[in-house]
Amino acid sequence: MCDVYTYLSRDPFTSISLLKYLQSYPQDTESFHVRGEEGEAVLVLLQVAASPYDRETYPGAAFVCFIASDGPNLTRRLLDHVPCGVSVVFKLAAEADRAVVAEGFDLRRTTSFLSFTGSFGAPSLQTDPRLPMTDDPLPQAWSLLEARGYQRDWLMPLLASGHAFVVEDSHGDDVASVCFAFQNHGHIWEVGGLSTRPDRRRQGHAARVVGSAIAELARRGVQGRYVVEETNRPSVQLAQAIGLQHVLTLTHFLASAPCAGDPAIGMLS
């Protein structure tokens, strides 16, 4: 496991999904590390049942598979550890890995998530002093967050421990837009939970709260991450409008047919 973390920590932003799931679901993940002439590679397998998002989105799948690899031959070696005879979701950041996986699996692309980060020299990325950074959101802010599916029993401990903060665009008790930032892994923090009242959309409120959150993270000396599903065009356009840089795309593929070779069902307990 030490070798796994050492390798993934070389580029933690690119490997953040692997690091996050290893940290969040230690009892439900298994990792494999290989070395060779091309360098190193890591495979992380997560049981779908452990992840609320994956359990809802891919109910017929058994495992989620993440790969970080320095070369195709290393990726091929890692695939020996992928369970066969069950449905697997591959979440891949590199086209080279997709090409290797497609040699043994019938892949069906489902979606992708775009990761953005701040270009802190951009004048648009400034903390707006009118927007409070708080660990005690207003009731209307909680209502907006909960409408997006974010529950208090998940966010409140992070706020209380200093591992998250909320940004509100409000006037008195009237909240137009809200988002939060929380620690993903180490110095990488994610901005999420963006929610704007329907009657206050297209007025710049969402851009202000996200831009302020990213700028606040830069002020704290940590790296902000803003993740958007490819189908969410307004959020993609928001990221581009405030000067965020697109640095990573994680594409999901559902393996609808078993790979060649002997099954390895039940490898994880």
C-alpha atoms as a PDB file:
ATOM      1  CA  MET A   1       0.000   0.000   0.000  1.00  0.00           C
ATOM      2  CA  CYS A   2       2.905   2.351   0.637  1.00  0.00           C
ATOM      3  CA  ASP A   3       4.068   1.844  -2.972  1.00  0.00           C
ATOM      4  CA  VAL A   4       0.527   2.577  -4.190  1.00  0.00           C
ATOM      5  CA  TYR A   5       0.303   5.887  -2.328  1.00  0.00           C
ATOM      6  CA  THR A   6       3.834   6.885  -3.280  1.00  0.00           C
ATOM      7  CA  TYR A   7       3.097   6.376  -6.973  1.00  0.00           C
ATOM      8  CA  LEU A   8      -0.314   8.070  -6.937  1.00  0.00           C
ATOM      9  CA  SER A   9       1.060  11.009  -4.955  1.00  0.00           C
ATOM     10  CA  ARG A  10       3.431  11.893  -7.811  1.00  0.00           C
ATOM     11  CA  ASP A  11       0.463  13.552  -9.535  1.00  0.00           C
ATOM     12  CA  PRO A  12      -2.311  13.735  -6.940  1.00  0.00           C
ATOM     13  CA  PHE A  13      -4.639  15.887  -9.042  1.00  0.00           C
ATOM     14  CA  THR A  14      -4.712  13.334 -11.859  1.00  0.00           C
ATOM     15  CA  SER A  15      -4.933  10.461  -9.373  1.00  0.00           C
ATOM     16  CA  ILE A  16      -7.399  12.131  -7.014  1.00  0.00           C
ATOM     17  CA  SER A  17     -10.231   9.648  -7.665  1.00  0.00           C
ATOM     18  CA  LEU A  18      -8.015   6.695  -6.811  1.00  0.00           C
ATOM     19  CA  LEU A  19      -6.679   8.390  -3.691  1.00  0.00           C
ATOM     20  CA  LYS A  20     -10.148   9.508  -2.601  1.00  0.00           C
ATOM     21  CA  TYR A  21     -11.734   6.063  -2.849  1.00  0.00           C
ATOM     22  CA  LEU A  22      -8.804   4.335  -1.177  1.00  0.00           C
ATOM     23  CA  GLN A  23      -9.143   6.780   1.697  1.00  0.00           C
ATOM     24  CA  SER A  24     -12.948   6.832   1.883  1.00  0.00           C
ATOM     25  CA  TYR A  25     -13.664   3.112   1.414  1.00  0.00           C
ATOM     26  CA  PRO A  26     -10.646   1.197   2.747  1.00  0.00           C
ATOM     27  CA  GLN A  27     -12.722  -1.910   3.506  1.00  0.00           C
ATOM     28  CA  ASP A  28     -14.337  -1.919   0.053  1.00  0.00           C
ATOM     29  CA  THR A  29     -11.338  -1.343  -2.189  1.00  0.00           C
ATOM     30  CA  GLU A  30      -8.377  -3.386  -3.290  1.00  0.00           C
ATOM     31  CA  SER A  31      -5.305  -2.012  -5.025  1.00  0.00           C
ATOM     32  CA  PHE A  32      -2.601  -3.579  -7.204  1.00  0.00           C
ATOM     33  CA  HIS A  33       0.794  -2.113  -8.038  1.00  0.00           C
ATOM     34  CA  VAL A  34       3.201  -3.217 -10.772  1.00  0.00           C
ATOM     35  CA  ARG A  35       6.603  -2.089 -11.990  1.00  0.00           C
ATOM     36  CA  GLY A  36       8.347  -2.593 -15.316  1.00  0.00           C
ATOM     37  CA  GLU A  37      10.553  -0.987 -17.945  1.00  0.00           C
ATOM     38  CA  GLU A  38       7.867   1.602 -18.665  1.00  0.00           C
ATOM     39  CA  GLY A  39       7.640   2.658 -15.045  1.00  0.00           C
ATOM     40  CA  GLU A  40       4.810   1.881 -12.628  1.00  0.00           C
ATOM     41  CA  ALA A  41       1.039   1.429 -12.623  1.00  0.00           C
ATOM     42  CA  VAL A  42      -1.779   1.081 -10.109  1.00  0.00           C
ATOM     43  CA  LEU A  43      -5.234  -0.477 -10.317  1.00  0.00           C
ATOM     44  CA  VAL A  44      -7.909   0.343  -7.731  1.00  0.00           C
ATOM     45  CA  LEU A  45     -11.055  -1.773  -7.526  1.00  0.00           C
ATOM     46  CA  LEU A  46     -14.052  -0.427  -5.633  1.00  0.00           C
ATOM     47  CA  GLN A  47     -17.150  -2.426  -4.824  1.00  0.00           C
ATOM     48  CA  VAL A  48     -20.091  -0.620  -6.424  1.00  0.00           C
ATOM     49  CA  ALA A  49     -22.291  -1.327  -3.409  1.00  0.00           C
ATOM     50  CA  ALA A  50     -20.053   0.898  -1.245  1.00  0.00           C
ATOM     51  CA  SER A  51     -20.510   4.068  -3.318  1.00  0.00           C
ATOM     52  CA  PRO A  52     -23.927   5.798  -3.292  1.00  0.00           C
ATOM     53  CA  TYR A  53     -23.366   7.412  -6.708  1.00  0.00           C
ATOM     54  CA  ASP A  54     -22.188   4.214  -8.384  1.00  0.00           C
ATOM     55  CA  ARG A  55     -24.818   2.100  -6.664  1.00  0.00           C
ATOM     56  CA  GLU A  56     -27.539   4.339  -8.103  1.00  0.00           C
ATOM     57  CA  THR A  57     -25.958   4.948 -11.513  1.00  0.00           C
ATOM     58  CA  TYR A  58     -24.647   1.443 -12.234  1.00  0.00           C
ATOM     59  CA  PRO A  59     -26.911  -0.920 -10.274  1.00  0.00           C
ATOM     60  CA  GLY A  60     -26.004  -3.924 -12.407  1.00  0.00           C
ATOM     61  CA  ALA A  61     -22.241  -3.539 -11.967  1.00  0.00           C
ATOM     62  CA  ALA A  62     -20.125  -5.245  -9.331  1.00  0.00           C
ATOM     63  CA  PHE A  63     -16.931  -3.177  -9.376  1.00  0.00           C
ATOM     64  CA  VAL A  64     -15.573   0.220 -10.362  1.00  0.00           C
ATOM     65  CA  CYS A  65     -12.070   0.082 -11.808  1.00  0.00           C
ATOM     66  CA  PHE A  66      -9.582   2.987 -11.805  1.00  0.00           C
ATOM     67  CA  ILE A  67      -6.197   2.828 -13.540  1.00  0.00           C
ATOM     68  CA  ALA A  68      -3.117   5.044 -13.346  1.00  0.00           C
ATOM     69  CA  SER A  69      -0.330   3.780 -15.577  1.00  0.00           C
ATOM     70  CA  ASP A  70       2.965   4.803 -17.173  1.00  0.00           C
ATOM     71  CA  GLY A  71       2.588   2.492 -20.173  1.00  0.00           C
ATOM     72  CA  PRO A  72       0.348   0.038 -22.051  1.00  0.00           C
ATOM     73  CA  ASN A  73       2.253  -3.095 -21.062  1.00  0.00           C
ATOM     74  CA  LEU A  74       1.831  -2.207 -17.402  1.00  0.00           C
ATOM     75  CA  THR A  75      -1.892  -1.624 -17.966  1.00  0.00           C
ATOM     76  CA  ARG A  76      -2.197  -5.083 -19.540  1.00  0.00           C
ATOM     77  CA  ARG A  77      -0.596  -6.634 -16.466  1.00  0.00           C
ATOM     78  CA  LEU A  78      -3.034  -4.833 -14.206  1.00  0.00           C
ATOM     79  CA  LEU A  79      -6.028  -6.153 -16.141  1.00  0.00           C
ATOM     80  CA  ASP A  80      -5.179  -9.665 -14.968  1.00  0.00           C
ATOM     81  CA  HIS A  81      -6.588  -8.531 -11.605  1.00  0.00           C
ATOM     82  CA  VAL A  82      -9.941  -7.286 -12.930  1.00  0.00           C
ATOM     83  CA  PRO A  83     -12.783  -9.705 -12.083  1.00  0.00           C
ATOM     84  CA  CYS A  84     -14.240 -11.442 -15.111  1.00  0.00           C
ATOM     85  CA  GLY A  85     -17.750 -12.713 -15.568  1.00  0.00           C
ATOM     86  CA  VAL A  86     -19.252  -9.651 -13.833  1.00  0.00           C
ATOM     87  CA  SER A  87     -20.139  -6.163 -15.026  1.00  0.00           C
ATOM     88  CA  VAL A  88     -17.388  -3.612 -14.350  1.00  0.00           C
ATOM     89  CA  VAL A  89     -17.344   0.184 -14.641  1.00  0.00           C
ATOM     90  CA  PHE A  90     -14.002   1.522 -15.867  1.00  0.00           C
ATOM     91  CA  LYS A  91     -13.308   5.171 -15.012  1.00  0.00           C
ATOM     92  CA  LEU A  92     -10.344   6.157 -17.139  1.00  0.00           C
ATOM     93  CA  ALA A  93      -8.424   9.385 -17.595  1.00  0.00           C
ATOM     94  CA  ALA A  94      -6.043   8.274 -20.376  1.00  0.00           C
ATOM     95  CA  GLU A  95      -6.927   7.286 -23.925  1.00  0.00           C
ATOM     96  CA  ALA A  96      -3.978   4.881 -23.918  1.00  0.00           C
ATOM     97  CA  ASP A  97      -5.539   2.974 -21.020  1.00  0.00           C
ATOM     98  CA  ARG A  98      -8.918   2.881 -22.767  1.00  0.00           C
ATOM     99  CA  ALA A  99      -7.300   1.333 -25.861  1.00  0.00           C
ATOM    100  CA  VAL A 100      -5.672  -1.411 -23.785  1.00  0.00           C
ATOM    101  CA  VAL A 101      -8.821  -2.153 -21.784  1.00  0.00           C
ATOM    102  CA  ALA A 102     -10.812  -2.401 -25.034  1.00  0.00           C
ATOM    103  CA  GLU A 103      -8.582  -5.300 -26.107  1.00  0.00           C
ATOM    104  CA  GLY A 104     -10.217  -7.521 -23.498  1.00  0.00           C
ATOM    105  CA  PHE A 105     -13.512  -5.840 -22.656  1.00  0.00           C
ATOM    106  CA  ASP A 106     -16.494  -4.728 -24.717  1.00  0.00           C
ATOM    107  CA  LEU A 107     -16.702  -1.107 -23.527  1.00  0.00           C
ATOM    108  CA  ARG A 108     -19.791   1.099 -23.666  1.00  0.00           C
ATOM    109  CA  ARG A 109     -19.141   4.766 -22.946  1.00  0.00           C
ATOM    110  CA  THR A 110     -21.667   6.232 -20.519  1.00  0.00           C
ATOM    111  CA  THR A 111     -20.483   9.702 -19.485  1.00  0.00           C
ATOM    112  CA  SER A 112     -17.465  11.762 -18.463  1.00  0.00           C
ATOM    113  CA  PHE A 113     -16.598  14.256 -15.758  1.00  0.00           C
ATOM    114  CA  LEU A 114     -14.431  17.298 -16.452  1.00  0.00           C
ATOM    115  CA  SER A 115     -12.092  18.584 -13.745  1.00  0.00           C
ATOM    116  CA  PHE A 116     -11.160  22.260 -13.689  1.00  0.00           C
ATOM    117  CA  THR A 117      -8.746  24.157 -11.498  1.00  0.00           C
ATOM    118  CA  GLY A 118      -7.948  27.817 -10.979  1.00  0.00           C
ATOM    119  CA  SER A 119      -5.627  30.031 -12.933  1.00  0.00           C
ATOM    120  CA  PHE A 120      -5.004  32.331 -10.055  1.00  0.00           C
ATOM    121  CA  GLY A 121      -3.583  35.202 -12.072  1.00  0.00           C
ATOM    122  CA  ALA A 122      -6.961  35.738 -13.712  1.00  0.00           C
ATOM    123  CA  PRO A 123      -8.593  38.955 -12.434  1.00  0.00           C
ATOM    124  CA  SER A 124     -11.990  37.210 -12.324  1.00  0.00           C
ATOM    125  CA  LEU A 125     -10.770  34.866  -9.578  1.00  0.00           C
ATOM    126  CA  GLN A 126     -10.959  37.145  -6.595  1.00  0.00           C
ATOM    127  CA  THR A 127     -12.651  36.502  -3.276  1.00  0.00           C
ATOM    128  CA  ASP A 128     -15.756  38.679  -3.188  1.00  0.00           C
ATOM    129  CA  PRO A 129     -15.810  40.361   0.249  1.00  0.00           C
ATOM    130  CA  ARG A 130     -19.611  40.524   0.057  1.00  0.00           C
ATOM    131  CA  LEU A 131     -19.869  36.728   0.062  1.00  0.00           C
ATOM    132  CA  PRO A 132     -19.341  35.108   3.471  1.00  0.00           C
ATOM    133  CA  MET A 133     -17.215  31.994   3.893  1.00  0.00           C
ATOM    134  CA  THR A 134     -19.015  30.200   6.684  1.00  0.00           C
ATOM    135  CA  ASP A 135     -19.232  26.960   8.614  1.00  0.00           C
ATOM    136  CA  ASP A 136     -22.797  27.816   9.666  1.00  0.00           C
ATOM    137  CA  PRO A 137     -24.951  28.153   6.525  1.00  0.00           C
ATOM    138  CA  LEU A 138     -28.235  30.016   6.582  1.00  0.00           C
ATOM    139  CA  PRO A 139     -31.427  27.901   6.596  1.00  0.00           C
ATOM    140  CA  GLN A 140     -32.167  28.855   2.994  1.00  0.00           C
ATOM    141  CA  ALA A 141     -28.654  27.798   1.993  1.00  0.00           C
ATOM    142  CA  TRP A 142     -29.239  24.405   3.610  1.00  0.00           C
ATOM    143  CA  SER A 143     -32.496  24.104   1.681  1.00  0.00           C
ATOM    144  CA  LEU A 144     -30.705  24.733  -1.612  1.00  0.00           C
ATOM    145  CA  LEU A 145     -27.972  22.223  -0.774  1.00  0.00           C
ATOM    146  CA  GLU A 146     -30.419  19.563   0.385  1.00  0.00           C
ATOM    147  CA  ALA A 147     -32.436  20.020  -2.809  1.00  0.00           C
ATOM    148  CA  ARG A 148     -29.278  18.924  -4.648  1.00  0.00           C
ATOM    149  CA  GLY A 149     -29.014  15.812  -2.467  1.00  0.00           C
ATOM    150  CA  TYR A 150     -26.341  17.000  -0.025  1.00  0.00           C
ATOM    151  CA  GLN A 151     -27.291  15.966   3.490  1.00  0.00           C
ATOM    152  CA  ARG A 152     -26.405  17.735   6.714  1.00  0.00           C
ATOM    153  CA  ASP A 153     -25.135  14.562   8.371  1.00  0.00           C
ATOM    154  CA  TRP A 154     -22.383  14.405   5.710  1.00  0.00           C
ATOM    155  CA  LEU A 155     -21.454  18.079   5.457  1.00  0.00           C
ATOM    156  CA  MET A 156     -21.805  19.273   9.049  1.00  0.00           C
ATOM    157  CA  PRO A 157     -18.913  17.178  10.467  1.00  0.00           C
ATOM    158  CA  LEU A 158     -16.650  18.496   7.696  1.00  0.00           C
ATOM    159  CA  LEU A 159     -17.657  22.070   8.489  1.00  0.00           C
ATOM    160  CA  ALA A 160     -17.167  21.541  12.207  1.00  0.00           C
ATOM    161  CA  SER A 161     -13.691  20.052  11.725  1.00  0.00           C
ATOM    162  CA  GLY A 162     -12.466  22.802   9.384  1.00  0.00           C
ATOM    163  CA  HIS A 163     -12.342  20.494   6.376  1.00  0.00           C
ATOM    164  CA  ALA A 164     -15.057  22.386   4.514  1.00  0.00           C
ATOM    165  CA  PHE A 165     -16.643  25.815   4.186  1.00  0.00           C
ATOM    166  CA  VAL A 166     -19.752  27.215   2.512  1.00  0.00           C
ATOM    167  CA  VAL A 167     -19.963  30.275   0.264  1.00  0.00           C
ATOM    168  CA  GLU A 168     -23.310  32.092   0.151  1.00  0.00           C
ATOM    169  CA  ASP A 169     -24.472  34.860  -2.176  1.00  0.00           C
ATOM    170  CA  SER A 170     -27.056  36.349   0.139  1.00  0.00           C
ATOM    171  CA  HIS A 171     -28.735  39.557   1.153  1.00  0.00           C
ATOM    172  CA  GLY A 172     -29.862  39.207   4.724  1.00  0.00           C
ATOM    173  CA  ASP A 173     -31.572  35.847   4.990  1.00  0.00           C
ATOM    174  CA  ASP A 174     -32.277  35.752   1.251  1.00  0.00           C
ATOM    175  CA  VAL A 175     -29.824  33.331  -0.407  1.00  0.00           C
ATOM    176  CA  ALA A 176     -29.560  33.506  -4.198  1.00  0.00           C
ATOM    177  CA  SER A 177     -26.811  30.924  -4.683  1.00  0.00           C
ATOM    178  CA  VAL A 178     -24.590  28.660  -2.602  1.00  0.00           C
ATOM    179  CA  CYS A 179     -21.708  26.216  -2.965  1.00  0.00           C
ATOM    180  CA  PHE A 180     -19.231  24.553  -0.643  1.00  0.00           C
ATOM    181  CA  ALA A 181     -15.591  23.491  -0.713  1.00  0.00           C
ATOM    182  CA  PHE A 182     -14.283  20.410   1.054  1.00  0.00           C
ATOM    183  CA  GLN A 183     -10.991  18.591   1.370  1.00  0.00           C
ATOM    184  CA  ASN A 184     -10.671  15.800  -1.184  1.00  0.00           C
ATOM    185  CA  HIS A 185      -7.206  14.529  -0.326  1.00  0.00           C
ATOM    186  CA  GLY A 186      -4.211  16.331   1.113  1.00  0.00           C
ATOM    187  CA  HIS A 187      -3.869  19.788  -0.444  1.00  0.00           C
ATOM    188  CA  ILE A 188      -6.617  19.216  -3.027  1.00  0.00           C
ATOM    189  CA  TRP A 189     -10.050  20.613  -2.192  1.00  0.00           C
ATOM    190  CA  GLU A 190     -13.182  20.246  -4.296  1.00  0.00           C
ATOM    191  CA  VAL A 191     -15.803  22.923  -4.943  1.00  0.00           C
ATOM    192  CA  GLY A 192     -19.253  21.384  -5.243  1.00  0.00           C
ATOM    193  CA  GLY A 193     -22.889  21.605  -4.238  1.00  0.00           C
ATOM    194  CA  LEU A 194     -23.532  24.598  -6.489  1.00  0.00           C
ATOM    195  CA  SER A 195     -27.208  25.497  -6.263  1.00  0.00           C
ATOM    196  CA  THR A 196     -28.961  28.678  -7.384  1.00  0.00           C
ATOM    197  CA  ARG A 197     -32.582  29.596  -6.862  1.00  0.00           C
ATOM    198  CA  PRO A 198     -34.488  29.223 -10.150  1.00  0.00           C
ATOM    199  CA  ASP A 199     -35.651  32.851 -10.056  1.00  0.00           C
ATOM    200  CA  ARG A 200     -32.059  34.098  -9.587  1.00  0.00           C
ATOM    201  CA  ARG A 201     -30.334  32.146 -12.363  1.00  0.00           C
ATOM    202  CA  ARG A 202     -28.432  33.792 -15.232  1.00  0.00           C
ATOM    203  CA  GLN A 203     -27.649  36.793 -13.030  1.00  0.00           C
ATOM    204  CA  GLY A 204     -24.009  35.959 -12.171  1.00  0.00           C
ATOM    205  CA  HIS A 205     -24.649  34.566  -8.692  1.00  0.00           C
ATOM    206  CA  ALA A 206     -23.288  31.065  -9.441  1.00  0.00           C
ATOM    207  CA  ALA A 207     -20.110  32.470 -10.973  1.00  0.00           C
ATOM    208  CA  ARG A 208     -19.533  34.651  -7.905  1.00  0.00           C
ATOM    209  CA  VAL A 209     -19.802  31.837  -5.358  1.00  0.00           C
ATOM    210  CA  VAL A 210     -17.666  29.369  -7.341  1.00  0.00           C
ATOM    211  CA  GLY A 211     -15.047  32.003  -8.200  1.00  0.00           C
ATOM    212  CA  SER A 212     -14.873  33.131  -4.588  1.00  0.00           C
ATOM    213  CA  ALA A 213     -14.492  29.552  -3.353  1.00  0.00           C
ATOM    214  CA  ILE A 214     -11.643  28.840  -5.782  1.00  0.00           C
ATOM    215  CA  ALA A 215      -9.940  32.116  -4.881  1.00  0.00           C
ATOM    216  CA  GLU A 216     -10.286  31.402  -1.163  1.00  0.00           C
ATOM    217  CA  LEU A 217      -8.643  28.011  -1.629  1.00  0.00           C
ATOM    218  CA  ALA A 218      -5.762  29.685  -3.456  1.00  0.00           C
ATOM    219  CA  ARG A 219      -5.426  32.162  -0.582  1.00  0.00           C
ATOM    220  CA  ARG A 220      -5.165  29.207   1.803  1.00  0.00           C
ATOM    221  CA  GLY A 221      -2.424  27.656  -0.308  1.00  0.00           C
ATOM    222  CA  VAL A 222      -4.411  24.624  -1.472  1.00  0.00           C
ATOM    223  CA  GLN A 223      -5.540  23.584  -4.937  1.00  0.00           C
ATOM    224  CA  GLY A 224      -9.171  23.936  -5.900  1.00  0.00           C
ATOM    225  CA  ARG A 225     -10.964  21.378  -8.048  1.00  0.00           C
ATOM    226  CA  TYR A 226     -14.286  21.953  -9.783  1.00  0.00           C
ATOM    227  CA  VAL A 227     -15.857  18.837 -11.329  1.00  0.00           C
ATOM    228  CA  VAL A 228     -18.672  18.933 -13.864  1.00  0.00           C
ATOM    229  CA  GLU A 229     -20.452  16.173 -15.761  1.00  0.00           C
ATOM    230  CA  GLU A 230     -20.161  16.668 -19.523  1.00  0.00           C
ATOM    231  CA  THR A 231     -23.938  17.004 -19.914  1.00  0.00           C
ATOM    232  CA  ASN A 232     -24.067  19.985 -17.537  1.00  0.00           C
ATOM    233  CA  ARG A 233     -23.333  22.633 -20.139  1.00  0.00           C
ATOM    234  CA  PRO A 234     -24.202  25.644 -17.924  1.00  0.00           C
ATOM    235  CA  SER A 235     -21.625  24.568 -15.321  1.00  0.00           C
ATOM    236  CA  VAL A 236     -19.006  23.896 -18.019  1.00  0.00           C
ATOM    237  CA  GLN A 237     -19.635  27.370 -19.428  1.00  0.00           C
ATOM    238  CA  LEU A 238     -19.431  28.857 -15.933  1.00  0.00           C
ATOM    239  CA  ALA A 239     -16.006  27.281 -15.375  1.00  0.00           C
ATOM    240  CA  GLN A 240     -14.773  28.638 -18.680  1.00  0.00           C
ATOM    241  CA  ALA A 241     -16.269  32.080 -18.066  1.00  0.00           C
ATOM    242  CA  ILE A 242     -14.447  32.616 -14.758  1.00  0.00           C
ATOM    243  CA  GLY A 243     -11.123  31.453 -16.188  1.00  0.00           C
ATOM    244  CA  LEU A 244     -10.773  27.956 -14.764  1.00  0.00           C
ATOM    245  CA  GLN A 245      -8.490  25.540 -16.597  1.00  0.00           C
ATOM    246  CA  HIS A 246      -9.734  22.159 -17.816  1.00  0.00           C
ATOM    247  CA  VAL A 247      -7.018  19.730 -16.714  1.00  0.00           C
ATOM    248  CA  LEU A 248      -8.582  16.259 -16.603  1.00  0.00           C
ATOM    249  CA  THR A 249     -11.448  14.233 -18.066  1.00  0.00           C
ATOM    250  CA  LEU A 250     -12.496  11.023 -16.336  1.00  0.00           C
ATOM    251  CA  THR A 251     -14.577   8.938 -18.741  1.00  0.00           C
ATOM    252  CA  HIS A 252     -16.867   6.129 -17.608  1.00  0.00           C
ATOM    253  CA  PHE A 253     -17.191   2.892 -19.569  1.00  0.00           C
ATOM    254  CA  LEU A 254     -19.486   0.031 -18.710  1.00  0.00           C
ATOM    255  CA  ALA A 255     -17.948  -3.327 -19.603  1.00  0.00           C
ATOM    256  CA  SER A 256     -20.970  -5.201 -20.900  1.00  0.00           C
ATOM    257  CA  ALA A 257     -19.156  -8.453 -21.658  1.00  0.00           C
ATOM    258  CA  PRO A 258     -16.688 -10.509 -19.567  1.00  0.00           C
ATOM    259  CA  CYS A 259     -13.017 -10.374 -20.379  1.00  0.00           C
ATOM    260  CA  ALA A 260     -11.123 -13.321 -21.775  1.00  0.00           C
ATOM    261  CA  GLY A 261      -9.559 -15.799 -19.363  1.00  0.00           C
ATOM    262  CA  ASP A 262     -10.629 -17.425 -16.165  1.00  0.00           C
ATOM    263  CA  PRO A 263     -13.141 -15.638 -13.919  1.00  0.00           C
ATOM    264  CA  ALA A 264     -11.884 -14.059 -10.748  1.00  0.00           C
ATOM    265  CA  ILE A 265     -15.258 -13.511  -9.132  1.00  0.00           C
ATOM    266  CA  GLY A 266     -15.152 -13.144  -5.402  1.00  0.00           C
ATOM    267  CA  MET A 267     -11.626 -11.772  -5.360  1.00  0.00           C
ATOM    268  CA  LEU A 268     -12.754  -9.007  -3.026  1.00  0.00           C
ATOM    269  CA  SER A 269     -14.428  -9.743   0.274  1.00  0.00           C
END
